[in-house]
Amino acid sequence: MTLEALVKQGQTTVYDSLVASIGPKIREIRKEYIKESFYGFQQVEHRLELVAVIHGIEFINDSKSTNINGTWFAMESSSRPVIWIVGGIDSGNDYAVLRHLVRSNVKGIICLGLDNRRIHVAFDDLDLPMADVTTMEEAVQAAYYMGNAGDVVLLSPACASFDLFENYEERGKAFRKSVKNL
């Protein structure tokens, strides 16, 4: 994998790759072998997974980000405007940690869940377009209509999935299916 291809997969992939390189480097394995090992790298499902590009809008499945920290990395890795799909079972999230990234990177918020009050309290004053939905199909359609070519639709919920889905994998698969059905 070229450095450019690695960077395109997001900053967390770059961090992971750097960490994965430390052990072999300490053992004095030649850098050509370390570099070669990255050529077979396969992106992991539900972790900044590129699902599709439709009319210039990139759809990214980061369903595994069930907490603020994971979502922070996902948002930080995008240099383009983000339509953020967020929500689920909130376990006391401090959304204030994300405010600077939301203010600078996010152009719209889709709240997917049965109770989105805390998300609204955290972000309503930023005067961004927001929509509340209760199905993944509605979330993907709302995000698609909110977006333009060059934007990113990011499913990075910062919450557990148990209000609408059995787990994050089911939520990620529902996202993938809904994107494919656009």
N, C-alpha and C. Protein backbone atom coordinates (compact mmCIF):
# COMPACT_ATOMS: atom_id res chain seq x y z
N MET A 1 0.85 -1.18 0.00
CA MET A 1 0.00 0.00 0.00
C MET A 1 0.89 1.23 0.00
N THR A 2 0.60 2.16 -0.88
CA THR A 2 1.38 3.39 -0.91
C THR A 2 1.00 4.25 0.28
N LEU A 3 1.87 5.19 0.62
CA LEU A 3 1.60 6.10 1.72
C LEU A 3 0.33 6.90 1.43
N GLU A 4 0.15 7.30 0.17
CA GLU A 4 -1.04 8.06 -0.22
C GLU A 4 -2.32 7.25 0.02
N ALA A 5 -2.31 5.97 -0.35
CA ALA A 5 -3.47 5.11 -0.14
C ALA A 5 -3.73 4.91 1.34
N LEU A 6 -2.69 4.81 2.12
CA LEU A 6 -2.82 4.65 3.57
C LEU A 6 -3.47 5.88 4.18
N VAL A 7 -3.00 7.06 3.78
CA VAL A 7 -3.54 8.31 4.31
C VAL A 7 -5.00 8.48 3.93
N LYS A 8 -5.39 8.06 2.73
CA LYS A 8 -6.78 8.19 2.29
C LYS A 8 -7.74 7.39 3.16
N GLN A 9 -7.24 6.36 3.85
CA GLN A 9 -8.11 5.54 4.68
C GLN A 9 -8.33 6.15 6.06
N GLY A 10 -7.76 7.29 6.30
CA GLY A 10 -8.05 7.99 7.54
C GLY A 10 -6.87 8.01 8.50
N GLN A 11 -6.92 9.01 9.37
CA GLN A 11 -5.83 9.22 10.30
C GLN A 11 -5.66 8.06 11.27
N THR A 12 -6.75 7.42 11.68
CA THR A 12 -6.61 6.29 12.60
C THR A 12 -5.87 5.15 11.93
N THR A 13 -6.05 4.94 10.63
CA THR A 13 -5.30 3.90 9.92
C THR A 13 -3.82 4.25 9.89
N VAL A 14 -3.52 5.52 9.71
CA VAL A 14 -2.12 5.95 9.73
C VAL A 14 -1.53 5.68 11.11
N TYR A 15 -2.25 6.07 12.18
CA TYR A 15 -1.78 5.82 13.54
C TYR A 15 -1.55 4.33 13.77
N ASP A 16 -2.53 3.51 13.38
CA ASP A 16 -2.42 2.07 13.56
C ASP A 16 -1.21 1.52 12.81
N SER A 17 -0.99 2.01 11.61
CA SER A 17 0.15 1.54 10.81
C SER A 17 1.47 1.93 11.44
N LEU A 18 1.54 3.14 11.97
CA LEU A 18 2.76 3.56 12.64
C LEU A 18 3.05 2.69 13.86
N VAL A 19 2.01 2.42 14.64
CA VAL A 19 2.17 1.55 15.81
C VAL A 19 2.59 0.15 15.39
N ALA A 20 1.95 -0.38 14.33
CA ALA A 20 2.28 -1.72 13.86
C ALA A 20 3.71 -1.80 13.33
N SER A 21 4.28 -0.69 12.94
CA SER A 21 5.65 -0.67 12.41
C SER A 21 6.72 -0.65 13.49
N ILE A 22 6.36 -0.24 14.69
CA ILE A 22 7.35 -0.07 15.75
C ILE A 22 8.00 -1.40 16.14
N GLY A 23 7.18 -2.43 16.36
CA GLY A 23 7.72 -3.73 16.77
C GLY A 23 8.74 -4.28 15.78
N PRO A 24 8.37 -4.38 14.50
CA PRO A 24 9.34 -4.88 13.52
C PRO A 24 10.59 -4.00 13.42
N LYS A 25 10.43 -2.69 13.57
CA LYS A 25 11.58 -1.79 13.48
C LYS A 25 12.53 -2.03 14.66
N ILE A 26 11.96 -2.24 15.85
CA ILE A 26 12.79 -2.53 17.03
C ILE A 26 13.57 -3.82 16.82
N ARG A 27 12.95 -4.79 16.17
CA ARG A 27 13.62 -6.08 15.91
C ARG A 27 14.54 -6.01 14.70
N GLU A 28 14.71 -4.77 14.19
CA GLU A 28 15.63 -4.49 13.09
C GLU A 28 15.25 -5.21 11.79
N ILE A 29 13.97 -5.37 11.58
CA ILE A 29 13.47 -5.90 10.30
C ILE A 29 13.56 -4.76 9.29
N ARG A 30 14.06 -5.08 8.13
CA ARG A 30 14.29 -4.04 7.13
C ARG A 30 12.98 -3.36 6.73
N LYS A 31 13.07 -2.04 6.51
CA LYS A 31 11.86 -1.25 6.22
C LYS A 31 11.17 -1.70 4.94
N GLU A 32 11.90 -2.29 4.00
CA GLU A 32 11.26 -2.79 2.78
C GLU A 32 10.26 -3.89 3.11
N TYR A 33 10.59 -4.75 4.07
CA TYR A 33 9.69 -5.83 4.47
C TYR A 33 8.48 -5.29 5.24
N ILE A 34 8.73 -4.29 6.05
CA ILE A 34 7.63 -3.66 6.80
C ILE A 34 6.67 -3.01 5.81
N LYS A 35 7.25 -2.26 4.87
CA LYS A 35 6.44 -1.57 3.87
C LYS A 35 5.65 -2.57 3.03
N GLU A 36 6.28 -3.66 2.65
CA GLU A 36 5.63 -4.70 1.85
C GLU A 36 4.44 -5.32 2.58
N SER A 37 4.53 -5.41 3.91
CA SER A 37 3.43 -6.02 4.67
C SER A 37 2.15 -5.20 4.60
N PHE A 38 2.27 -3.90 4.32
CA PHE A 38 1.09 -3.05 4.23
C PHE A 38 0.36 -3.18 2.89
N TYR A 39 0.99 -3.75 1.88
CA TYR A 39 0.34 -3.89 0.57
C TYR A 39 -0.88 -4.79 0.62
N GLY A 40 -0.90 -5.76 1.51
CA GLY A 40 -2.04 -6.67 1.62
C GLY A 40 -3.10 -6.22 2.60
N PHE A 41 -2.96 -5.01 3.13
CA PHE A 41 -3.88 -4.52 4.13
C PHE A 41 -5.30 -4.43 3.58
N GLN A 42 -6.25 -5.00 4.29
CA GLN A 42 -7.67 -4.92 3.93
C GLN A 42 -8.38 -4.05 4.95
N GLN A 43 -9.20 -3.15 4.48
CA GLN A 43 -9.95 -2.30 5.39
C GLN A 43 -10.92 -3.15 6.21
N VAL A 44 -11.10 -2.79 7.47
CA VAL A 44 -11.95 -3.53 8.39
C VAL A 44 -13.38 -3.00 8.29
N GLU A 45 -14.34 -3.92 8.31
CA GLU A 45 -15.75 -3.52 8.27
C GLU A 45 -16.11 -2.63 9.46
N HIS A 46 -16.97 -1.66 9.21
CA HIS A 46 -17.56 -0.80 10.23
C HIS A 46 -16.56 0.14 10.90
N ARG A 47 -15.38 0.27 10.35
CA ARG A 47 -14.36 1.16 10.90
C ARG A 47 -13.83 2.04 9.78
N LEU A 48 -14.45 3.19 9.62
CA LEU A 48 -14.12 4.12 8.52
C LEU A 48 -14.10 3.41 7.17
N GLU A 49 -15.08 2.55 6.99
CA GLU A 49 -15.22 1.74 5.77
C GLU A 49 -15.91 2.56 4.67
N LEU A 50 -15.24 2.73 3.56
CA LEU A 50 -15.87 3.40 2.42
C LEU A 50 -16.89 2.45 1.81
N VAL A 51 -18.16 2.84 1.82
CA VAL A 51 -19.23 1.99 1.30
C VAL A 51 -19.46 2.28 -0.18
N ALA A 52 -19.56 3.56 -0.53
CA ALA A 52 -19.82 3.93 -1.92
C ALA A 52 -19.62 5.43 -2.09
N VAL A 53 -19.50 5.82 -3.35
CA VAL A 53 -19.53 7.24 -3.72
C VAL A 53 -20.69 7.37 -4.69
N ILE A 54 -21.68 8.17 -4.31
CA ILE A 54 -22.87 8.35 -5.12
C ILE A 54 -23.04 9.83 -5.43
N HIS A 55 -23.01 10.16 -6.71
CA HIS A 55 -23.11 11.55 -7.16
C HIS A 55 -22.09 12.43 -6.45
N GLY A 56 -20.90 11.89 -6.24
CA GLY A 56 -19.81 12.65 -5.63
C GLY A 56 -19.85 12.71 -4.11
N ILE A 57 -20.83 12.07 -3.49
CA ILE A 57 -20.93 12.04 -2.03
C ILE A 57 -20.38 10.70 -1.54
N GLU A 58 -19.38 10.78 -0.65
CA GLU A 58 -18.78 9.57 -0.08
C GLU A 58 -19.58 9.12 1.13
N PHE A 59 -19.87 7.83 1.21
CA PHE A 59 -20.60 7.26 2.35
C PHE A 59 -19.64 6.38 3.15
N ILE A 60 -19.40 6.77 4.41
CA ILE A 60 -18.44 6.10 5.27
C ILE A 60 -19.16 5.44 6.45
N ASN A 61 -18.90 4.13 6.62
CA ASN A 61 -19.49 3.34 7.70
C ASN A 61 -18.48 3.25 8.85
N ASP A 62 -18.76 3.97 9.92
CA ASP A 62 -17.93 3.90 11.12
C ASP A 62 -18.81 3.50 12.30
N SER A 63 -19.66 2.51 12.06
CA SER A 63 -20.61 2.06 13.07
C SER A 63 -19.93 1.58 14.35
N LYS A 64 -18.70 1.14 14.25
CA LYS A 64 -17.95 0.66 15.41
C LYS A 64 -17.67 1.79 16.41
N SER A 65 -17.72 3.03 15.97
CA SER A 65 -17.48 4.15 16.87
C SER A 65 -18.68 4.36 17.77
N THR A 66 -18.68 3.63 18.87
CA THR A 66 -19.80 3.65 19.80
C THR A 66 -19.53 4.58 20.98
N ASN A 67 -18.48 5.39 20.87
CA ASN A 67 -18.17 6.35 21.93
C ASN A 67 -17.62 7.63 21.32
N ILE A 68 -17.48 8.64 22.14
CA ILE A 68 -17.03 9.95 21.68
C ILE A 68 -15.62 9.88 21.09
N ASN A 69 -14.75 9.11 21.69
CA ASN A 69 -13.36 9.03 21.23
C ASN A 69 -13.28 8.51 19.79
N GLY A 70 -14.00 7.44 19.49
CA GLY A 70 -14.00 6.90 18.14
C GLY A 70 -14.54 7.89 17.13
N THR A 71 -15.62 8.57 17.49
CA THR A 71 -16.21 9.56 16.59
C THR A 71 -15.27 10.75 16.40
N TRP A 72 -14.57 11.14 17.45
CA TRP A 72 -13.61 12.23 17.34
C TRP A 72 -12.57 11.91 16.28
N PHE A 73 -12.00 10.70 16.30
CA PHE A 73 -11.01 10.30 15.30
C PHE A 73 -11.61 10.29 13.90
N ALA A 74 -12.85 9.80 13.78
CA ALA A 74 -13.50 9.74 12.47
C ALA A 74 -13.69 11.15 11.90
N MET A 75 -14.17 12.06 12.72
CA MET A 75 -14.39 13.44 12.25
C MET A 75 -13.07 14.13 11.94
N GLU A 76 -12.08 13.89 12.76
CA GLU A 76 -10.78 14.53 12.57
C GLU A 76 -10.14 14.08 11.25
N SER A 77 -10.46 12.87 10.82
CA SER A 77 -9.82 12.35 9.61
C SER A 77 -10.43 12.89 8.32
N SER A 78 -11.53 13.61 8.40
CA SER A 78 -12.17 14.13 7.20
C SER A 78 -11.77 15.58 6.95
N SER A 79 -11.32 15.84 5.74
CA SER A 79 -10.98 17.21 5.36
C SER A 79 -12.10 17.85 4.54
N ARG A 80 -13.18 17.10 4.33
CA ARG A 80 -14.30 17.60 3.53
C ARG A 80 -15.52 17.78 4.41
N PRO A 81 -16.53 18.53 3.96
CA PRO A 81 -17.74 18.73 4.75
C PRO A 81 -18.43 17.40 5.07
N VAL A 82 -18.87 17.26 6.31
CA VAL A 82 -19.45 16.02 6.81
C VAL A 82 -20.93 16.20 7.12
N ILE A 83 -21.73 15.24 6.68
CA ILE A 83 -23.09 15.09 7.18
C ILE A 83 -23.00 13.91 8.14
N TRP A 84 -23.22 14.19 9.41
CA TRP A 84 -22.94 13.25 10.49
C TRP A 84 -24.21 12.52 10.91
N ILE A 85 -24.18 11.20 10.84
CA ILE A 85 -25.27 10.37 11.39
C ILE A 85 -24.82 9.92 12.77
N VAL A 86 -25.55 10.34 13.79
CA VAL A 86 -25.19 10.13 15.19
C VAL A 86 -26.41 9.64 15.97
N GLY A 87 -26.18 8.92 17.04
CA GLY A 87 -27.28 8.57 17.94
C GLY A 87 -27.37 7.10 18.25
N GLY A 88 -28.22 6.81 19.21
CA GLY A 88 -28.41 5.46 19.73
C GLY A 88 -28.59 5.56 21.23
N ILE A 89 -28.10 4.59 21.95
CA ILE A 89 -28.16 4.61 23.41
C ILE A 89 -26.96 5.41 23.92
N ASP A 90 -27.25 6.56 24.47
CA ASP A 90 -26.23 7.46 24.98
C ASP A 90 -25.87 7.03 26.40
N SER A 91 -24.61 6.77 26.63
CA SER A 91 -24.19 6.34 27.97
C SER A 91 -23.48 7.47 28.71
N GLY A 92 -24.09 8.64 28.68
CA GLY A 92 -23.54 9.78 29.39
C GLY A 92 -22.45 10.51 28.62
N ASN A 93 -22.56 10.54 27.30
CA ASN A 93 -21.55 11.18 26.46
C ASN A 93 -21.38 12.65 26.79
N ASP A 94 -20.15 13.11 26.74
CA ASP A 94 -19.83 14.52 26.85
C ASP A 94 -19.58 15.04 25.44
N TYR A 95 -20.64 15.46 24.79
CA TYR A 95 -20.54 15.90 23.40
C TYR A 95 -19.72 17.18 23.24
N ALA A 96 -19.46 17.88 24.34
CA ALA A 96 -18.66 19.11 24.27
C ALA A 96 -17.29 18.84 23.67
N VAL A 97 -16.76 17.65 23.85
CA VAL A 97 -15.46 17.27 23.28
C VAL A 97 -15.48 17.38 21.76
N LEU A 98 -16.64 17.18 21.16
CA LEU A 98 -16.76 17.19 19.70
C LEU A 98 -17.15 18.54 19.11
N ARG A 99 -17.51 19.50 19.94
CA ARG A 99 -18.07 20.76 19.43
C ARG A 99 -17.15 21.47 18.44
N HIS A 100 -15.86 21.53 18.72
CA HIS A 100 -14.96 22.25 17.80
C HIS A 100 -14.89 21.53 16.45
N LEU A 101 -14.91 20.20 16.45
CA LEU A 101 -14.90 19.46 15.19
C LEU A 101 -16.23 19.60 14.46
N VAL A 102 -17.32 19.56 15.20
CA VAL A 102 -18.63 19.72 14.57
C VAL A 102 -18.73 21.12 13.97
N ARG A 103 -18.29 22.10 14.70
CA ARG A 103 -18.35 23.48 14.21
C ARG A 103 -17.53 23.65 12.92
N SER A 104 -16.37 23.00 12.85
CA SER A 104 -15.50 23.22 11.69
C SER A 104 -15.70 22.21 10.56
N ASN A 105 -16.17 21.00 10.85
CA ASN A 105 -16.23 19.95 9.82
C ASN A 105 -17.63 19.54 9.39
N VAL A 106 -18.63 19.78 10.24
CA VAL A 106 -19.96 19.22 9.99
C VAL A 106 -20.88 20.26 9.39
N LYS A 107 -21.59 19.85 8.32
CA LYS A 107 -22.56 20.77 7.69
C LYS A 107 -24.00 20.37 7.97
N GLY A 108 -24.22 19.19 8.56
CA GLY A 108 -25.56 18.75 8.91
C GLY A 108 -25.49 17.54 9.82
N ILE A 109 -26.52 17.39 10.67
CA ILE A 109 -26.56 16.29 11.64
C ILE A 109 -27.86 15.52 11.46
N ILE A 110 -27.73 14.20 11.34
CA ILE A 110 -28.88 13.31 11.30
C ILE A 110 -28.87 12.53 12.61
N CYS A 111 -29.90 12.72 13.43
CA CYS A 111 -29.99 12.04 14.72
C CYS A 111 -30.80 10.76 14.53
N LEU A 112 -30.11 9.62 14.65
CA LEU A 112 -30.73 8.31 14.47
C LEU A 112 -30.90 7.66 15.84
N GLY A 113 -32.14 7.59 16.30
CA GLY A 113 -32.38 6.96 17.60
C GLY A 113 -33.75 7.29 18.13
N LEU A 114 -34.06 6.67 19.26
CA LEU A 114 -35.36 6.88 19.88
C LEU A 114 -35.37 8.09 20.80
N ASP A 115 -34.20 8.48 21.32
CA ASP A 115 -34.11 9.62 22.22
C ASP A 115 -32.87 10.44 21.86
N ASN A 116 -33.08 11.55 21.18
CA ASN A 116 -31.97 12.37 20.68
C ASN A 116 -31.82 13.69 21.43
N ARG A 117 -32.46 13.80 22.60
CA ARG A 117 -32.46 15.07 23.33
C ARG A 117 -31.07 15.59 23.65
N ARG A 118 -30.18 14.72 24.12
CA ARG A 118 -28.84 15.16 24.54
C ARG A 118 -28.03 15.65 23.33
N ILE A 119 -28.25 15.05 22.18
CA ILE A 119 -27.56 15.50 20.97
C ILE A 119 -28.05 16.90 20.60
N HIS A 120 -29.36 17.11 20.69
CA HIS A 120 -29.91 18.44 20.39
C HIS A 120 -29.41 19.48 21.38
N VAL A 121 -29.37 19.14 22.65
CA VAL A 121 -28.87 20.08 23.66
C VAL A 121 -27.43 20.47 23.35
N ALA A 122 -26.64 19.51 22.91
CA ALA A 122 -25.22 19.76 22.64
C ALA A 122 -24.97 20.59 21.38
N PHE A 123 -25.84 20.46 20.37
CA PHE A 123 -25.50 21.04 19.06
C PHE A 123 -26.54 21.98 18.45
N ASP A 124 -27.72 22.08 19.02
CA ASP A 124 -28.76 22.94 18.44
C ASP A 124 -28.29 24.38 18.25
N ASP A 125 -27.50 24.89 19.18
CA ASP A 125 -27.08 26.30 19.10
C ASP A 125 -26.06 26.55 18.00
N LEU A 126 -25.54 25.51 17.35
CA LEU A 126 -24.59 25.71 16.25
C LEU A 126 -25.29 26.06 14.94
N ASP A 127 -26.61 26.03 14.95
CA ASP A 127 -27.42 26.44 13.81
C ASP A 127 -27.10 25.64 12.55
N LEU A 128 -26.93 24.32 12.73
CA LEU A 128 -26.74 23.41 11.60
C LEU A 128 -28.07 22.74 11.27
N PRO A 129 -28.28 22.36 10.01
CA PRO A 129 -29.47 21.58 9.70
C PRO A 129 -29.43 20.27 10.48
N MET A 130 -30.56 19.91 11.11
CA MET A 130 -30.64 18.67 11.88
C MET A 130 -31.95 17.97 11.53
N ALA A 131 -31.89 16.64 11.52
CA ALA A 131 -33.09 15.83 11.28
C ALA A 131 -33.10 14.69 12.28
N ASP A 132 -34.29 14.36 12.76
CA ASP A 132 -34.47 13.21 13.64
C ASP A 132 -35.13 12.09 12.86
N VAL A 133 -34.54 10.88 12.92
CA VAL A 133 -35.07 9.72 12.21
C VAL A 133 -35.01 8.50 13.12
N THR A 134 -35.79 7.48 12.75
CA THR A 134 -35.81 6.26 13.56
C THR A 134 -35.48 5.01 12.76
N THR A 135 -35.11 5.18 11.47
CA THR A 135 -34.67 4.03 10.69
C THR A 135 -33.40 4.42 9.93
N MET A 136 -32.61 3.43 9.61
CA MET A 136 -31.38 3.69 8.86
C MET A 136 -31.71 4.19 7.46
N GLU A 137 -32.78 3.67 6.86
CA GLU A 137 -33.17 4.13 5.53
C GLU A 137 -33.45 5.62 5.55
N GLU A 138 -34.19 6.08 6.55
CA GLU A 138 -34.49 7.51 6.68
C GLU A 138 -33.21 8.32 6.89
N ALA A 139 -32.29 7.78 7.69
CA ALA A 139 -31.04 8.48 7.99
C ALA A 139 -30.22 8.67 6.72
N VAL A 140 -30.06 7.61 5.95
CA VAL A 140 -29.25 7.68 4.73
C VAL A 140 -29.91 8.60 3.71
N GLN A 141 -31.22 8.51 3.55
CA GLN A 141 -31.91 9.38 2.59
C GLN A 141 -31.80 10.85 3.01
N ALA A 142 -32.01 11.13 4.30
CA ALA A 142 -31.91 12.52 4.77
C ALA A 142 -30.50 13.06 4.56
N ALA A 143 -29.49 12.24 4.85
CA ALA A 143 -28.10 12.67 4.66
C ALA A 143 -27.81 12.90 3.19
N TYR A 144 -28.29 12.02 2.33
CA TYR A 144 -28.08 12.15 0.89
C TYR A 144 -28.68 13.45 0.37
N TYR A 145 -29.90 13.77 0.79
CA TYR A 145 -30.56 14.99 0.33
C TYR A 145 -29.92 16.25 0.91
N MET A 146 -29.24 16.11 2.05
CA MET A 146 -28.57 17.23 2.68
C MET A 146 -27.21 17.49 2.01
N GLY A 147 -26.66 16.48 1.34
CA GLY A 147 -25.31 16.55 0.82
C GLY A 147 -25.20 17.06 -0.60
N ASN A 148 -23.97 17.38 -0.97
CA ASN A 148 -23.60 17.79 -2.32
C ASN A 148 -22.33 17.05 -2.71
N ALA A 149 -22.03 17.05 -3.99
CA ALA A 149 -20.78 16.42 -4.46
C ALA A 149 -19.62 17.01 -3.66
N GLY A 150 -18.73 16.13 -3.21
CA GLY A 150 -17.59 16.54 -2.41
C GLY A 150 -17.80 16.39 -0.91
N ASP A 151 -19.03 16.10 -0.50
CA ASP A 151 -19.32 15.91 0.92
C ASP A 151 -19.10 14.46 1.32
N VAL A 152 -19.07 14.24 2.63
CA VAL A 152 -18.95 12.91 3.20
C VAL A 152 -20.15 12.68 4.12
N VAL A 153 -20.84 11.56 3.92
CA VAL A 153 -21.87 11.13 4.88
C VAL A 153 -21.18 10.14 5.79
N LEU A 154 -21.10 10.48 7.07
CA LEU A 154 -20.36 9.69 8.05
C LEU A 154 -21.29 9.12 9.10
N LEU A 155 -21.46 7.80 9.07
CA LEU A 155 -22.13 7.11 10.17
C LEU A 155 -21.06 6.85 11.23
N SER A 156 -21.07 7.67 12.26
CA SER A 156 -20.16 7.52 13.39
C SER A 156 -20.96 7.91 14.62
N PRO A 157 -21.76 6.95 15.14
CA PRO A 157 -22.85 7.27 16.06
C PRO A 157 -22.48 7.75 17.46
N ALA A 158 -21.28 7.48 17.93
CA ALA A 158 -20.87 7.89 19.28
C ALA A 158 -21.75 7.29 20.37
N CYS A 159 -22.57 6.32 20.01
CA CYS A 159 -23.52 5.72 20.94
C CYS A 159 -23.65 4.22 20.66
N ALA A 160 -24.13 3.50 21.65
CA ALA A 160 -24.44 2.08 21.44
C ALA A 160 -25.66 1.97 20.54
N SER A 161 -25.83 0.83 19.94
CA SER A 161 -26.85 0.63 18.90
C SER A 161 -28.15 0.02 19.41
N PHE A 162 -28.23 -0.31 20.69
CA PHE A 162 -29.28 -1.20 21.18
C PHE A 162 -30.70 -0.66 21.16
N ASP A 163 -30.91 0.62 20.85
CA ASP A 163 -32.28 1.11 20.78
C ASP A 163 -32.96 0.67 19.49
N LEU A 164 -32.20 0.53 18.40
CA LEU A 164 -32.79 0.17 17.11
C LEU A 164 -32.17 -1.08 16.48
N PHE A 165 -30.99 -1.48 16.95
CA PHE A 165 -30.26 -2.59 16.33
C PHE A 165 -29.74 -3.53 17.42
N GLU A 166 -29.42 -4.74 17.00
CA GLU A 166 -28.89 -5.71 17.95
C GLU A 166 -27.46 -5.37 18.37
N ASN A 167 -26.67 -4.83 17.45
CA ASN A 167 -25.29 -4.48 17.74
C ASN A 167 -24.77 -3.54 16.64
N TYR A 168 -23.52 -3.11 16.80
CA TYR A 168 -22.97 -2.17 15.82
C TYR A 168 -22.82 -2.80 14.44
N GLU A 169 -22.59 -4.13 14.38
CA GLU A 169 -22.47 -4.79 13.08
C GLU A 169 -23.78 -4.72 12.31
N GLU A 170 -24.89 -5.00 13.00
CA GLU A 170 -26.19 -4.92 12.34
C GLU A 170 -26.47 -3.50 11.87
N ARG A 171 -26.11 -2.51 12.70
CA ARG A 171 -26.30 -1.11 12.32
C ARG A 171 -25.46 -0.78 11.08
N GLY A 172 -24.20 -1.23 11.06
CA GLY A 172 -23.33 -0.98 9.92
C GLY A 172 -23.83 -1.65 8.65
N LYS A 173 -24.35 -2.87 8.78
CA LYS A 173 -24.90 -3.58 7.61
C LYS A 173 -26.14 -2.88 7.10
N ALA A 174 -26.96 -2.36 8.01
CA ALA A 174 -28.16 -1.61 7.60
C ALA A 174 -27.75 -0.34 6.85
N PHE A 175 -26.69 0.30 7.31
CA PHE A 175 -26.18 1.50 6.62
C PHE A 175 -25.73 1.13 5.22
N ARG A 176 -24.92 0.08 5.13
CA ARG A 176 -24.41 -0.37 3.83
C ARG A 176 -25.57 -0.67 2.87
N LYS A 177 -26.57 -1.40 3.36
CA LYS A 177 -27.72 -1.77 2.52
C LYS A 177 -28.50 -0.51 2.09
N SER A 178 -28.70 0.41 3.02
CA SER A 178 -29.45 1.63 2.69
C SER A 178 -28.72 2.49 1.66
N VAL A 179 -27.40 2.53 1.76
CA VAL A 179 -26.62 3.28 0.77
C VAL A 179 -26.75 2.62 -0.59
N LYS A 180 -26.63 1.31 -0.63
CA LYS A 180 -26.73 0.58 -1.91
C LYS A 180 -28.10 0.74 -2.55
N ASN A 181 -29.14 1.00 -1.71
CA ASN A 181 -30.50 1.16 -2.22
C ASN A 181 -30.83 2.58 -2.68
N LEU A 182 -29.90 3.50 -2.53
CA LEU A 182 -30.16 4.89 -2.97
C LEU A 182 -30.37 4.94 -4.49
